[in-house]
Structures are given as C-alpha cells and as structure tokens.
Amino acid sequence: MDATIMSSSQTAAEAHAALAQALRSSTVHVRVGRAGGGSGVIWKPDGTIVTNAHVAHGRKLAIELADGAAHDAELVARDERRDLAALRIDAHGLDAAAIGDSDAVRAGQLVFAVGNPMGLTGAVTSGVLFASGSRARWIQADVRIAPGNSGGPLADASGRVIGINSMIYGGLAIAVPSNAVTRFLKSEGGRPRLGVTVEPVQVRVSDRAAALGLLVFEVAAGSPADRAGILPGDAIVAVGGQPLRAEEDLLDGLADCGDDGELRLTIHRAGRMRDISVTFSTAMRRRANAAA
C-alpha cells in the first residue's frame, strides 16, 4: 500500500476516534425508573440535558454521565409533537456538546450517531445524511441506530451536534434538527397562542392554481390574532414567507417565534394577498407555557 494513502487513512481514523470520544463525553444515559430509558445530550454546562419526549416519560428520571456519575433529573419542558424534552441536573461545568447549524447541512455529508443501544454505552455509528433542508421538520440519515439511541446526538464530521435522534423509519434514522432544539429551549417547551380556530381548505390563488390554506372561522377577542387584524373568513396561506405545506407549519411557526415574539403571516382576503405581523408579549408566552 502506498505510504501516503496509509498515512492519510491513519490520520482519518485517529480524527474519527477523537471525534467519537468527544461526542461520548457529552452524551448521557437517561434512566427512567428501574428499567427503560435512552440517551441524552449535555446541551449546556449548567446541567441542561436534551433528550426525546418519549424517553423522558416517567416520574423518576436519572442521568448517568459518561464518567459514571449519577444525578437525579428534573423535567423542565416537554413537547410530544416535536419529541423533545429538556431535563436539568444539579451539576455545573459539564462537558457540553458543540452545537451545529442544522439549516446548513446537506445531503451526502458524513454524520455520526452516539447512544446507548441494547445495553451498550457510548456506541458510535457513522453514515451519511440522506435528506434535510432549512424547512425540514426532521433530519434523515442513513446511519445505524437502535432502541437506546433515542435522545442521543447526530453530529457532523466536525463533531457538532446537528440533531437529536428520535426514531427509525424506512431504515433511516430520523432526528430533530438542532435549530429546532434551540428554539424549543428558548420557549421552554411552550408556544404562544394565536387565538384562532382554523380548518384546512384549498385556496384559489390564481386562475390556474390553488394552494393549501387555513380558513379562519373564529378569532378570540383580545388575542394576538385579533390585535393584528385577522378576521373570520381570512385564509392563512404562508407562515414566515413560506407557503403552507401542512397544518403543522403554523404550529411550527408559533413554536419557532424568536425572542422578538413576532410572526409574519400571509393571508388571502377577498381575492387579495396581504402580509400581517402578529406580535406576542413575554407575559402571554409565559401564560401559554403555564397552560400547556
């Protein structure tokens, strides 16, 4: 074998080994009672752990760190729709994961999954990214995972976490994008209430084309929708400048509202399109979270 090729192979192998070790140090075992559980990621050094909602389903939760130290865990937030949960342990200075930008990843990239499947601790597998994108609700990767990997990290070749492994579907690993996790943590698992009752309809947007819309049947008095001027009979056809693909897009838009608490909607009213900005106050967000 050519010495240059051998040297390059050794360098790549050493780099992958170092990356795997770094990912293991920020991956935890989430234990639920006496049996069951899954994996989790140290998201912040202050003891914030991210895992799947379907993993953090019990009353008694515990975290086992990579060094074997065990801590009782408190459930801080949970979103079953996105399959995310935030836990907190009484520990500081933890080895938190490096977080990547899931909107920037592309199909074909090398990815790594870490978790605790089938009794194994810190198992690492690799594969390639199958599908993603800036509007994708899930990241799909051709990487081997098994029960016990749930809640563990999906990372890029630089060791940055780009997703939280959630399930296996059609032979592919399905992960929640890291940017969705960041928004989930900012909202503490809740989302502001728009204050409308809607029903999906087909909206005629031109002589030849129709698009999915959410027809507004009712607007709650004093709600953000009411203050923004949304009326019964309006049809919401776009969220954040992006056409609706499914009803869930509106829920995602609400959950993804940043700290500025503003959501831009495009509505169809009396044959014309118009953009409306809906503003949510911090107090309203807190009340919505408390009611969730």
Protein backbone atom coordinates (compact mmCIF):
# COMPACT_ATOMS: atom_id res chain seq x y z
CA MET A 1 0.00 0.00 0.00
CA ASP A 2 1.19 3.48 -0.84
CA ALA A 3 2.69 5.17 2.24
CA THR A 4 0.79 8.39 1.53
CA ILE A 5 -2.55 6.55 1.40
CA MET A 6 -1.72 4.67 4.60
CA SER A 7 -0.76 7.89 6.37
CA SER A 8 -3.98 9.58 5.25
CA SER A 9 -6.05 6.59 6.40
CA GLN A 10 -4.36 6.60 9.80
CA THR A 11 -4.91 10.33 10.17
CA ALA A 12 -8.60 9.99 9.30
CA ALA A 13 -9.01 7.06 11.70
CA GLU A 14 -7.35 9.00 14.51
CA ALA A 15 -9.53 12.03 13.82
CA HIS A 16 -12.68 9.90 13.90
CA ALA A 17 -11.59 8.27 17.15
CA ALA A 18 -11.01 11.67 18.75
CA LEU A 19 -14.37 12.91 17.48
CA ALA A 20 -16.13 9.82 18.87
CA GLN A 21 -14.53 10.32 22.27
CA ALA A 22 -15.58 13.98 22.37
CA LEU A 23 -19.16 13.05 21.49
CA ARG A 24 -19.24 10.32 24.14
CA SER A 25 -18.21 12.80 26.83
CA SER A 26 -21.29 14.94 26.15
CA THR A 27 -23.69 12.00 25.73
CA VAL A 28 -25.56 10.72 28.78
CA HIS A 29 -27.71 7.76 29.72
CA VAL A 30 -31.27 8.75 30.65
CA ARG A 31 -32.75 6.24 33.08
CA VAL A 32 -36.48 6.00 33.74
CA GLY A 33 -37.28 4.18 36.97
CA ARG A 34 -35.75 0.74 37.25
CA ALA A 35 -35.99 -0.13 33.59
CA GLY A 36 -36.00 1.53 30.21
CA GLY A 37 -34.60 4.84 29.17
CA GLY A 38 -32.43 6.12 26.39
CA SER A 39 -29.78 8.69 25.64
CA GLY A 40 -29.41 12.43 26.02
CA VAL A 41 -27.08 15.30 25.16
CA ILE A 42 -25.48 17.78 27.55
CA TRP A 43 -26.66 20.96 25.84
CA LYS A 44 -25.27 23.46 28.34
CA PRO A 45 -22.57 23.22 31.05
CA ASP A 46 -25.14 24.28 33.68
CA GLY A 47 -26.77 20.84 33.71
CA THR A 48 -29.26 21.25 30.85
CA ILE A 49 -29.85 17.90 29.13
CA VAL A 50 -31.84 17.38 25.93
CA THR A 51 -33.49 14.09 25.07
CA ASN A 52 -36.68 12.79 23.42
CA ALA A 53 -40.11 13.32 24.92
CA HIS A 54 -40.81 9.60 24.52
CA VAL A 55 -37.69 8.83 26.58
CA ALA A 56 -38.49 11.24 29.45
CA HIS A 57 -41.92 9.78 30.15
CA GLY A 58 -41.60 8.60 33.75
CA ARG A 59 -41.94 10.33 37.09
CA LYS A 60 -38.49 9.32 38.30
CA LEU A 61 -35.70 10.32 35.93
CA ALA A 62 -31.97 9.97 36.44
CA ILE A 63 -28.93 10.88 34.37
CA GLU A 64 -25.74 8.85 34.20
CA LEU A 65 -22.80 10.84 32.84
CA ALA A 66 -20.03 9.41 30.71
CA ASP A 67 -17.78 9.12 33.79
CA GLY A 68 -20.40 7.04 35.59
CA ALA A 69 -21.63 9.79 37.94
CA ALA A 70 -25.38 9.60 38.55
CA HIS A 71 -27.77 12.50 39.18
CA ASP A 72 -31.50 12.82 39.73
CA ALA A 73 -33.07 14.80 36.90
CA GLU A 74 -35.86 17.36 36.83
CA LEU A 75 -38.15 17.59 33.81
CA VAL A 76 -38.07 21.24 32.71
CA ALA A 77 -40.02 21.15 29.44
CA ARG A 78 -41.60 18.57 27.15
CA ASP A 79 -43.04 18.75 23.64
CA GLU A 80 -44.51 15.48 22.44
CA ARG A 81 -45.26 16.84 18.97
CA ARG A 82 -41.58 17.53 18.33
CA ASP A 83 -40.48 14.60 20.54
CA LEU A 84 -38.24 16.82 22.67
CA ALA A 85 -37.67 17.09 26.41
CA ALA A 86 -35.38 19.27 28.49
CA LEU A 87 -34.01 17.94 31.77
CA ARG A 88 -31.85 19.58 34.40
CA ILE A 89 -29.43 18.07 36.88
CA ASP A 90 -27.69 19.70 39.83
CA ALA A 91 -24.25 19.87 38.26
CA HIS A 92 -22.10 22.59 36.72
CA GLY A 93 -19.08 22.77 34.47
CA LEU A 94 -20.25 19.82 32.42
CA ASP A 95 -18.69 18.92 29.08
CA ALA A 96 -21.41 20.33 26.83
CA ALA A 97 -21.71 19.37 23.18
CA ALA A 98 -20.74 21.73 20.38
CA ILE A 99 -23.98 22.66 18.59
CA GLY A 100 -24.11 22.99 14.81
CA ASP A 101 -26.44 24.77 12.40
CA SER A 102 -28.93 22.19 11.13
CA ASP A 103 -30.13 24.57 8.41
CA ALA A 104 -26.68 24.45 6.81
CA VAL A 105 -26.31 20.66 6.48
CA ARG A 106 -26.62 18.98 3.10
CA ALA A 107 -27.39 15.50 1.81
CA GLY A 108 -24.30 13.33 1.46
CA GLN A 109 -22.48 14.74 4.49
CA LEU A 110 -20.77 12.29 6.84
CA VAL A 111 -22.61 12.01 10.16
CA PHE A 112 -22.12 10.18 13.46
CA ALA A 113 -24.70 8.87 15.92
CA VAL A 114 -23.90 8.19 19.58
CA GLY A 115 -26.08 6.47 22.15
CA ASN A 116 -26.66 3.56 24.48
CA PRO A 117 -28.44 0.88 22.42
CA MET A 118 -29.06 -2.67 23.64
CA GLY A 119 -27.04 -2.29 26.82
CA LEU A 120 -24.01 -0.76 25.12
CA THR A 121 -22.61 2.50 26.47
CA GLY A 122 -21.42 5.23 24.14
CA ALA A 123 -21.85 3.21 20.95
CA VAL A 124 -20.82 5.19 17.85
CA THR A 125 -22.02 4.55 14.30
CA SER A 126 -21.44 6.55 11.13
CA GLY A 127 -23.29 7.11 7.89
CA VAL A 128 -24.38 9.83 5.51
CA LEU A 129 -27.05 12.47 5.62
CA PHE A 130 -29.97 11.42 3.46
CA ALA A 131 -32.23 14.47 3.49
CA SER A 132 -32.57 17.79 5.25
CA GLY A 133 -33.04 21.47 4.46
CA SER A 134 -33.82 24.80 6.03
CA ARG A 135 -37.55 23.98 6.25
CA ALA A 136 -37.24 20.30 7.12
CA ARG A 137 -39.04 19.23 10.29
CA TRP A 138 -36.75 16.20 10.54
CA ILE A 139 -33.26 15.21 9.50
CA GLN A 140 -32.95 11.81 7.83
CA ALA A 141 -29.67 9.91 7.86
CA ASP A 142 -28.52 6.55 6.56
CA VAL A 143 -26.88 5.63 9.86
CA ARG A 144 -27.48 2.60 12.05
CA ILE A 145 -29.32 3.29 15.30
CA ALA A 146 -31.35 1.07 17.63
CA PRO A 147 -33.59 1.39 20.70
CA GLY A 148 -31.46 3.16 23.30
CA ASN A 149 -30.08 5.63 20.75
CA SER A 150 -33.21 7.74 21.18
CA GLY A 151 -32.30 11.16 22.54
CA GLY A 152 -28.65 10.86 21.59
CA PRO A 153 -26.74 13.16 19.25
CA LEU A 154 -26.46 13.11 15.48
CA ALA A 155 -23.26 15.01 14.69
CA ASP A 156 -21.42 16.22 11.61
CA ALA A 157 -17.82 15.39 10.72
CA SER A 158 -16.58 18.25 12.91
CA GLY A 159 -18.33 16.86 15.97
CA ARG A 160 -21.06 19.50 16.06
CA VAL A 161 -24.48 18.20 17.04
CA ILE A 162 -26.96 18.81 14.21
CA GLY A 163 -29.82 16.72 15.54
CA ILE A 164 -31.32 14.60 18.32
CA ASN A 165 -32.00 11.03 17.20
CA SER A 166 -35.68 10.21 17.60
CA MET A 167 -36.75 7.12 15.66
CA ILE A 168 -36.11 4.72 12.81
CA TYR A 169 -38.36 4.90 9.75
CA GLY A 170 -37.87 3.03 6.50
CA GLY A 171 -34.38 2.00 7.58
CA LEU A 172 -33.32 5.63 8.13
CA ALA A 173 -32.50 7.41 11.36
CA ILE A 174 -34.87 10.33 11.97
CA ALA A 175 -33.56 13.21 14.08
CA VAL A 176 -34.95 16.51 15.37
CA PRO A 177 -32.86 19.37 13.86
CA SER A 178 -30.57 21.16 16.32
CA ASN A 179 -32.04 24.55 15.43
CA ALA A 180 -35.48 23.27 16.45
CA VAL A 181 -33.95 22.17 19.76
CA THR A 182 -32.52 25.64 20.35
CA ARG A 183 -35.92 27.22 19.72
CA PHE A 184 -37.59 24.66 21.98
CA LEU A 185 -35.25 25.55 24.84
CA LYS A 186 -35.84 29.28 24.36
CA SER A 187 -39.61 28.79 24.52
CA GLU A 188 -39.34 26.38 27.48
CA GLY A 189 -41.39 23.86 25.54
CA GLY A 190 -44.37 26.16 25.07
CA ARG A 191 -45.58 28.28 22.20
CA PRO A 192 -47.70 31.42 22.11
CA ARG A 193 -51.38 31.11 21.27
CA LEU A 194 -52.53 32.82 18.08
CA GLY A 195 -56.18 32.85 19.15
CA VAL A 196 -57.90 31.47 16.05
CA THR A 197 -59.98 28.46 15.08
CA VAL A 198 -59.00 27.20 11.63
CA GLU A 199 -59.83 24.49 9.12
CA PRO A 200 -57.65 23.40 6.15
CA VAL A 201 -59.02 24.41 2.74
CA GLN A 202 -57.84 24.81 -0.83
CA VAL A 203 -57.45 28.50 -1.66
CA ARG A 204 -57.65 29.72 -5.26
CA VAL A 205 -54.56 31.94 -5.57
CA SER A 206 -54.79 32.41 -9.35
CA ASP A 207 -56.90 31.32 -12.32
CA ARG A 208 -54.85 28.14 -12.66
CA ALA A 209 -53.51 27.39 -9.21
CA ALA A 210 -54.78 26.53 -5.75
CA ALA A 211 -52.81 26.32 -2.53
CA LEU A 212 -53.28 24.94 0.94
CA GLY A 213 -54.73 27.45 3.36
CA LEU A 214 -56.10 27.55 6.89
CA LEU A 215 -59.53 29.18 6.85
CA VAL A 216 -60.17 31.25 9.97
CA PHE A 217 -63.59 30.53 11.48
CA GLU A 218 -63.23 32.34 14.78
CA VAL A 219 -60.91 34.95 16.31
CA ALA A 220 -60.71 35.21 20.10
CA ALA A 221 -61.31 38.75 21.37
CA GLY A 222 -58.13 40.41 22.60
CA SER A 223 -55.91 37.64 21.19
CA PRO A 224 -52.72 38.32 19.20
CA ALA A 225 -54.65 37.48 16.01
CA ASP A 226 -57.38 39.97 16.95
CA ARG A 227 -54.86 42.72 17.69
CA ALA A 228 -53.11 42.04 14.36
CA GLY A 229 -56.36 42.48 12.43
CA ILE A 230 -57.01 38.88 11.37
CA LEU A 231 -60.71 38.36 10.61
CA PRO A 232 -63.06 35.38 10.27
CA GLY A 233 -63.05 34.39 6.61
CA ASP A 234 -59.33 35.07 6.16
CA ALA A 235 -57.23 32.16 4.94
CA ILE A 236 -53.66 31.81 6.19
CA VAL A 237 -51.59 30.66 3.20
CA ALA A 238 -47.99 31.30 4.31
CA VAL A 239 -46.00 31.44 7.55
CA GLY A 240 -42.78 33.41 7.73
CA GLY A 241 -42.88 33.94 3.98
CA GLN A 242 -43.08 30.21 3.24
CA PRO A 243 -46.21 28.65 1.69
CA LEU A 244 -48.07 26.20 3.90
CA ARG A 245 -47.33 22.55 3.19
CA ALA A 246 -49.27 21.14 6.15
CA GLU A 247 -51.33 22.33 9.10
CA GLU A 248 -48.31 21.72 11.33
CA ASP A 249 -46.43 24.56 9.62
CA LEU A 250 -48.47 27.08 11.57
CA LEU A 251 -47.73 25.29 14.85
CA ASP A 252 -44.05 25.16 13.94
CA GLY A 253 -44.09 28.87 13.17
CA LEU A 254 -45.59 29.62 16.57
CA ALA A 255 -43.08 27.38 18.33
CA ASP A 256 -40.23 28.95 16.39
CA CYS A 257 -41.07 32.54 17.34
CA GLY A 258 -37.84 34.12 18.50
CA ASP A 259 -37.23 36.40 21.45
CA ASP A 260 -38.78 39.28 19.49
CA GLY A 261 -42.09 37.41 19.63
CA GLU A 262 -43.24 38.29 16.11
CA LEU A 263 -44.67 36.03 13.41
CA ARG A 264 -45.34 37.09 9.83
CA LEU A 265 -48.40 35.55 8.22
CA THR A 266 -49.69 35.87 4.67
CA ILE A 267 -53.46 35.79 4.40
CA HIS A 268 -55.88 35.58 1.49
CA ARG A 269 -58.76 38.03 1.93
CA ALA A 270 -61.37 38.99 -0.67
CA GLY A 271 -59.22 37.72 -3.52
CA ARG A 272 -56.06 39.53 -2.45
CA MET A 273 -52.92 38.57 -0.55
CA ARG A 274 -51.68 40.62 2.37
CA ASP A 275 -48.94 40.22 4.96
CA ILE A 276 -49.75 40.60 8.64
CA SER A 277 -47.30 40.70 11.55
CA VAL A 278 -48.55 39.11 14.77
CA THR A 279 -46.79 40.18 17.97
CA PHE A 280 -46.66 38.11 21.15
CA SER A 281 -45.72 39.60 24.52
CA THR A 282 -43.43 37.84 27.00
CA ALA A 283 -46.24 37.73 29.54
CA MET A 284 -48.54 36.00 27.06
CA ARG A 285 -45.84 33.47 26.21
CA ARG A 286 -45.39 32.65 29.90
CA ARG A 287 -49.12 32.19 30.38
CA ALA A 288 -49.27 29.93 27.33
CA ASN A 289 -46.37 27.85 28.63
CA ALA A 290 -48.02 27.52 32.04
CA ALA A 291 -51.24 26.35 30.42
CA ALA A 292 -49.52 23.80 28.17
